[in-house]
Amino acid sequence: MKAVMRLMFLCMIPLFLSGCLQNSESNQPINTSDLEPPVNISVEEAEAKIPFEIKQPSVPFHVTQQSARILDTNGEFDAIEITYANSDEGINLIIMITNSQIDTPPTGKKGLKLTNGSQTWDQGNEHVSAIYWRNEGLTYSLISGKNNNLEPLYDYQTLIDIANTLN
């Protein structure tokens, strides 16, 4: 019985050492450039870098901050996110536009059509109100929230009204 216990102990040593080596390898530095969020730029700078026209909505509140971010998609398609915020009131409206050709079915509840005929989907939840649609080869999302996106800002119909103002 002692021989069996010694043999099991000896077999456990390589497993233990292997585990230690794997843990030491996972502590290597991480390339932080992979973790950094996209840099905020002006809409004008984004327009110069994006190969499609950036249509902006009429924002129904006083905007105190506006910024754009070009999102990294590993070169598969172009994506831009524009945030309109009123920091005094803690509210924001975000539009995201992509030229992705991926034809995946939209999520959410099928909703109304925009004045341009585009079908929308209600993608809101308990934290934000959001709609999604496609038009002329582009995919749009319009999202609104308040209190750091803990609560929806607008209802579905108001987002439809805002989407209809894109110019």
C-alpha atoms as a PDB file:
ATOM      1  CA  MET A   1       0.000   0.000   0.000  1.00  0.00           C
ATOM      2  CA  LYS A   2       2.897   2.392   0.770  1.00  0.00           C
ATOM      3  CA  ALA A   3       4.344   1.709  -2.680  1.00  0.00           C
ATOM      4  CA  VAL A   4       1.063   2.659  -4.336  1.00  0.00           C
ATOM      5  CA  MET A   5       0.884   5.883  -2.309  1.00  0.00           C
ATOM      6  CA  ARG A   6       4.468   6.811  -3.288  1.00  0.00           C
ATOM      7  CA  LEU A   7       3.715   6.128  -6.929  1.00  0.00           C
ATOM      8  CA  MET A   8       0.610   8.338  -6.788  1.00  0.00           C
ATOM      9  CA  PHE A   9       2.636  11.060  -5.053  1.00  0.00           C
ATOM     10  CA  LEU A  10       5.326  10.900  -7.733  1.00  0.00           C
ATOM     11  CA  CYS A  11       2.685  11.114 -10.470  1.00  0.00           C
ATOM     12  CA  MET A  12       1.173  14.178  -8.818  1.00  0.00           C
ATOM     13  CA  ILE A  13       4.455  16.145  -8.900  1.00  0.00           C
ATOM     14  CA  PRO A  14       4.523  16.586 -12.710  1.00  0.00           C
ATOM     15  CA  LEU A  15       0.852  17.585 -12.686  1.00  0.00           C
ATOM     16  CA  PHE A  16       1.514  20.148  -9.963  1.00  0.00           C
ATOM     17  CA  LEU A  17       4.541  21.578 -11.797  1.00  0.00           C
ATOM     18  CA  SER A  18       2.602  21.704 -15.057  1.00  0.00           C
ATOM     19  CA  GLY A  19      -0.156  23.691 -13.343  1.00  0.00           C
ATOM     20  CA  CYS A  20       2.369  26.128 -11.895  1.00  0.00           C
ATOM     21  CA  LEU A  21       3.989  26.679 -15.275  1.00  0.00           C
ATOM     22  CA  GLN A  22       0.622  27.396 -16.913  1.00  0.00           C
ATOM     23  CA  ASN A  23      -0.232  29.945 -14.224  1.00  0.00           C
ATOM     24  CA  SER A  24       3.081  31.722 -14.681  1.00  0.00           C
ATOM     25  CA  GLU A  25       2.489  31.926 -18.430  1.00  0.00           C
ATOM     26  CA  SER A  26      -0.909  33.571 -17.957  1.00  0.00           C
ATOM     27  CA  ASN A  27       0.689  36.375 -15.929  1.00  0.00           C
ATOM     28  CA  GLN A  28       2.530  37.721 -18.961  1.00  0.00           C
ATOM     29  CA  PRO A  29       1.792  41.348 -19.855  1.00  0.00           C
ATOM     30  CA  ILE A  30      -1.317  41.970 -21.933  1.00  0.00           C
ATOM     31  CA  ASN A  31      -1.113  44.194 -24.971  1.00  0.00           C
ATOM     32  CA  THR A  32      -3.172  47.112 -23.672  1.00  0.00           C
ATOM     33  CA  SER A  33      -3.775  48.501 -27.149  1.00  0.00           C
ATOM     34  CA  ASP A  34      -6.142  45.558 -27.640  1.00  0.00           C
ATOM     35  CA  LEU A  35      -8.117  46.659 -24.588  1.00  0.00           C
ATOM     36  CA  GLU A  36      -8.318  50.401 -25.144  1.00  0.00           C
ATOM     37  CA  PRO A  37     -11.656  51.781 -26.277  1.00  0.00           C
ATOM     38  CA  PRO A  38     -11.868  53.654 -29.570  1.00  0.00           C
ATOM     39  CA  VAL A  39     -10.741  57.266 -29.360  1.00  0.00           C
ATOM     40  CA  ASN A  40     -13.414  59.963 -29.468  1.00  0.00           C
ATOM     41  CA  ILE A  41     -13.074  62.264 -32.464  1.00  0.00           C
ATOM     42  CA  SER A  42     -15.179  64.982 -34.029  1.00  0.00           C
ATOM     43  CA  VAL A  43     -17.916  64.099 -36.500  1.00  0.00           C
ATOM     44  CA  GLU A  44     -15.993  66.025 -39.152  1.00  0.00           C
ATOM     45  CA  GLU A  45     -12.914  63.837 -38.586  1.00  0.00           C
ATOM     46  CA  ALA A  46     -15.085  60.727 -38.768  1.00  0.00           C
ATOM     47  CA  GLU A  47     -16.687  61.890 -42.037  1.00  0.00           C
ATOM     48  CA  ALA A  48     -13.217  62.095 -43.568  1.00  0.00           C
ATOM     49  CA  LYS A  49     -12.465  58.489 -42.574  1.00  0.00           C
ATOM     50  CA  ILE A  50     -15.790  56.722 -43.210  1.00  0.00           C
ATOM     51  CA  PRO A  51     -16.611  55.756 -46.830  1.00  0.00           C
ATOM     52  CA  PHE A  52     -20.333  56.519 -46.544  1.00  0.00           C
ATOM     53  CA  GLU A  53     -22.386  59.596 -45.774  1.00  0.00           C
ATOM     54  CA  ILE A  54     -22.995  60.050 -42.060  1.00  0.00           C
ATOM     55  CA  LYS A  55     -26.619  61.042 -41.570  1.00  0.00           C
ATOM     56  CA  GLN A  56     -27.343  62.728 -38.271  1.00  0.00           C
ATOM     57  CA  PRO A  57     -30.685  62.984 -36.493  1.00  0.00           C
ATOM     58  CA  SER A  58     -32.357  66.047 -35.141  1.00  0.00           C
ATOM     59  CA  VAL A  59     -31.656  65.728 -31.414  1.00  0.00           C
ATOM     60  CA  PRO A  60     -34.633  66.761 -29.253  1.00  0.00           C
ATOM     61  CA  PHE A  61     -32.561  68.064 -26.338  1.00  0.00           C
ATOM     62  CA  HIS A  62     -29.795  70.602 -25.817  1.00  0.00           C
ATOM     63  CA  VAL A  63     -26.486  68.860 -26.631  1.00  0.00           C
ATOM     64  CA  THR A  64     -23.607  69.785 -24.318  1.00  0.00           C
ATOM     65  CA  GLN A  65     -21.211  67.116 -25.627  1.00  0.00           C
ATOM     66  CA  GLN A  66     -20.923  65.416 -28.992  1.00  0.00           C
ATOM     67  CA  SER A  67     -18.354  62.886 -30.089  1.00  0.00           C
ATOM     68  CA  ALA A  68     -17.822  60.195 -32.680  1.00  0.00           C
ATOM     69  CA  ARG A  69     -15.968  56.911 -32.482  1.00  0.00           C
ATOM     70  CA  ILE A  70     -14.902  54.734 -35.369  1.00  0.00           C
ATOM     71  CA  LEU A  71     -15.280  51.179 -34.145  1.00  0.00           C
ATOM     72  CA  ASP A  72     -12.724  48.493 -34.940  1.00  0.00           C
ATOM     73  CA  THR A  73     -14.264  45.636 -36.916  1.00  0.00           C
ATOM     74  CA  ASN A  74     -10.982  43.999 -37.944  1.00  0.00           C
ATOM     75  CA  GLY A  75     -11.346  45.534 -41.396  1.00  0.00           C
ATOM     76  CA  GLU A  76     -14.561  43.622 -42.151  1.00  0.00           C
ATOM     77  CA  PHE A  77     -16.757  46.720 -42.459  1.00  0.00           C
ATOM     78  CA  ASP A  78     -16.914  50.340 -41.338  1.00  0.00           C
ATOM     79  CA  ALA A  79     -18.788  51.340 -38.205  1.00  0.00           C
ATOM     80  CA  ILE A  80     -19.286  54.686 -36.535  1.00  0.00           C
ATOM     81  CA  GLU A  81     -20.980  55.620 -33.301  1.00  0.00           C
ATOM     82  CA  ILE A  82     -21.999  59.217 -32.609  1.00  0.00           C
ATOM     83  CA  THR A  83     -23.027  60.223 -29.101  1.00  0.00           C
ATOM     84  CA  TYR A  84     -25.080  63.319 -28.342  1.00  0.00           C
ATOM     85  CA  ALA A  85     -25.226  64.036 -24.617  1.00  0.00           C
ATOM     86  CA  ASN A  86     -26.473  66.553 -22.151  1.00  0.00           C
ATOM     87  CA  SER A  87     -24.213  65.993 -19.162  1.00  0.00           C
ATOM     88  CA  ASP A  88     -26.229  68.385 -16.977  1.00  0.00           C
ATOM     89  CA  GLU A  89     -29.360  66.258 -17.377  1.00  0.00           C
ATOM     90  CA  GLY A  90     -27.565  62.887 -17.638  1.00  0.00           C
ATOM     91  CA  ILE A  91     -29.186  61.985 -20.959  1.00  0.00           C
ATOM     92  CA  ASN A  92     -27.817  60.760 -24.258  1.00  0.00           C
ATOM     93  CA  LEU A  93     -28.756  59.710 -27.738  1.00  0.00           C
ATOM     94  CA  ILE A  94     -26.449  57.425 -29.703  1.00  0.00           C
ATOM     95  CA  ILE A  95     -26.605  56.590 -33.378  1.00  0.00           C
ATOM     96  CA  MET A  96     -24.559  53.756 -34.778  1.00  0.00           C
ATOM     97  CA  ILE A  97     -24.145  53.289 -38.530  1.00  0.00           C
ATOM     98  CA  THR A  98     -22.368  50.434 -40.306  1.00  0.00           C
ATOM     99  CA  ASN A  99     -21.941  49.296 -43.863  1.00  0.00           C
ATOM    100  CA  SER A 100     -21.810  45.658 -42.826  1.00  0.00           C
ATOM    101  CA  GLN A 101     -23.023  43.237 -45.480  1.00  0.00           C
ATOM    102  CA  ILE A 102     -23.713  40.530 -42.898  1.00  0.00           C
ATOM    103  CA  ASP A 103     -27.313  39.494 -43.403  1.00  0.00           C
ATOM    104  CA  THR A 104     -28.341  38.310 -39.966  1.00  0.00           C
ATOM    105  CA  PRO A 105     -31.931  38.490 -38.843  1.00  0.00           C
ATOM    106  CA  PRO A 106     -32.550  41.424 -36.517  1.00  0.00           C
ATOM    107  CA  THR A 107     -33.422  40.860 -32.900  1.00  0.00           C
ATOM    108  CA  GLY A 108     -36.222  42.565 -31.061  1.00  0.00           C
ATOM    109  CA  LYS A 109     -39.854  43.137 -31.816  1.00  0.00           C
ATOM    110  CA  LYS A 110     -40.801  44.009 -35.406  1.00  0.00           C
ATOM    111  CA  GLY A 111     -42.121  47.545 -35.383  1.00  0.00           C
ATOM    112  CA  LEU A 112     -43.245  50.394 -37.577  1.00  0.00           C
ATOM    113  CA  LYS A 113     -41.780  51.470 -40.889  1.00  0.00           C
ATOM    114  CA  LEU A 114     -39.948  54.767 -41.247  1.00  0.00           C
ATOM    115  CA  THR A 115     -41.102  57.370 -43.756  1.00  0.00           C
ATOM    116  CA  ASN A 116     -38.407  56.086 -46.155  1.00  0.00           C
ATOM    117  CA  GLY A 117     -40.022  52.614 -46.007  1.00  0.00           C
ATOM    118  CA  SER A 118     -37.385  50.971 -43.805  1.00  0.00           C
ATOM    119  CA  GLN A 119     -38.661  48.339 -41.387  1.00  0.00           C
ATOM    120  CA  THR A 120     -37.666  48.965 -37.753  1.00  0.00           C
ATOM    121  CA  TRP A 121     -37.245  46.652 -34.806  1.00  0.00           C
ATOM    122  CA  ASP A 122     -37.733  47.702 -31.204  1.00  0.00           C
ATOM    123  CA  GLN A 123     -34.618  46.600 -29.320  1.00  0.00           C
ATOM    124  CA  GLY A 124     -35.182  48.466 -26.069  1.00  0.00           C
ATOM    125  CA  ASN A 125     -34.872  46.920 -22.637  1.00  0.00           C
ATOM    126  CA  GLU A 126     -35.155  48.050 -19.022  1.00  0.00           C
ATOM    127  CA  HIS A 127     -31.974  50.189 -19.348  1.00  0.00           C
ATOM    128  CA  VAL A 128     -32.215  51.860 -22.767  1.00  0.00           C
ATOM    129  CA  SER A 129     -34.676  52.493 -25.540  1.00  0.00           C
ATOM    130  CA  ALA A 130     -33.394  51.388 -28.938  1.00  0.00           C
ATOM    131  CA  ILE A 131     -34.464  50.795 -32.518  1.00  0.00           C
ATOM    132  CA  TYR A 132     -32.709  49.175 -35.454  1.00  0.00           C
ATOM    133  CA  TRP A 133     -33.229  49.399 -39.232  1.00  0.00           C
ATOM    134  CA  ARG A 134     -31.475  48.981 -42.568  1.00  0.00           C
ATOM    135  CA  ASN A 135     -31.551  51.417 -45.453  1.00  0.00           C
ATOM    136  CA  GLU A 136     -29.581  51.792 -48.697  1.00  0.00           C
ATOM    137  CA  GLY A 137     -26.917  49.247 -47.695  1.00  0.00           C
ATOM    138  CA  LEU A 138     -26.379  50.693 -44.224  1.00  0.00           C
ATOM    139  CA  THR A 139     -27.479  49.409 -40.826  1.00  0.00           C
ATOM    140  CA  TYR A 140     -28.621  51.905 -38.207  1.00  0.00           C
ATOM    141  CA  SER A 141     -29.203  51.699 -34.462  1.00  0.00           C
ATOM    142  CA  LEU A 142     -30.616  54.553 -32.426  1.00  0.00           C
ATOM    143  CA  ILE A 143     -30.263  54.253 -28.666  1.00  0.00           C
ATOM    144  CA  SER A 144     -31.293  56.600 -25.867  1.00  0.00           C
ATOM    145  CA  GLY A 145     -30.837  56.497 -22.128  1.00  0.00           C
ATOM    146  CA  LYS A 146     -30.712  58.538 -18.977  1.00  0.00           C
ATOM    147  CA  ASN A 147     -28.954  58.220 -15.620  1.00  0.00           C
ATOM    148  CA  ASN A 148     -25.883  56.601 -17.223  1.00  0.00           C
ATOM    149  CA  ASN A 149     -28.093  54.316 -19.307  1.00  0.00           C
ATOM    150  CA  LEU A 150     -29.856  52.841 -16.322  1.00  0.00           C
ATOM    151  CA  GLU A 151     -33.242  53.961 -17.671  1.00  0.00           C
ATOM    152  CA  PRO A 152     -34.735  54.424 -21.144  1.00  0.00           C
ATOM    153  CA  LEU A 153     -34.986  58.059 -22.199  1.00  0.00           C
ATOM    154  CA  TYR A 154     -37.538  57.908 -25.025  1.00  0.00           C
ATOM    155  CA  ASP A 155     -40.319  55.551 -25.937  1.00  0.00           C
ATOM    156  CA  TYR A 156     -40.373  53.589 -29.187  1.00  0.00           C
ATOM    157  CA  GLN A 157     -42.554  56.105 -31.060  1.00  0.00           C
ATOM    158  CA  THR A 158     -40.251  59.005 -30.142  1.00  0.00           C
ATOM    159  CA  LEU A 159     -37.250  57.083 -31.474  1.00  0.00           C
ATOM    160  CA  ILE A 160     -39.167  56.506 -34.720  1.00  0.00           C
ATOM    161  CA  ASP A 161     -39.815  60.247 -34.919  1.00  0.00           C
ATOM    162  CA  ILE A 162     -36.119  60.972 -34.338  1.00  0.00           C
ATOM    163  CA  ALA A 163     -35.038  58.365 -36.922  1.00  0.00           C
ATOM    164  CA  ASN A 164     -37.302  60.032 -39.478  1.00  0.00           C
ATOM    165  CA  THR A 165     -35.234  63.249 -39.106  1.00  0.00           C
ATOM    166  CA  LEU A 166     -31.964  61.715 -40.349  1.00  0.00           C
ATOM    167  CA  ASN A 167     -30.456  63.988 -42.939  1.00  0.00           C
END
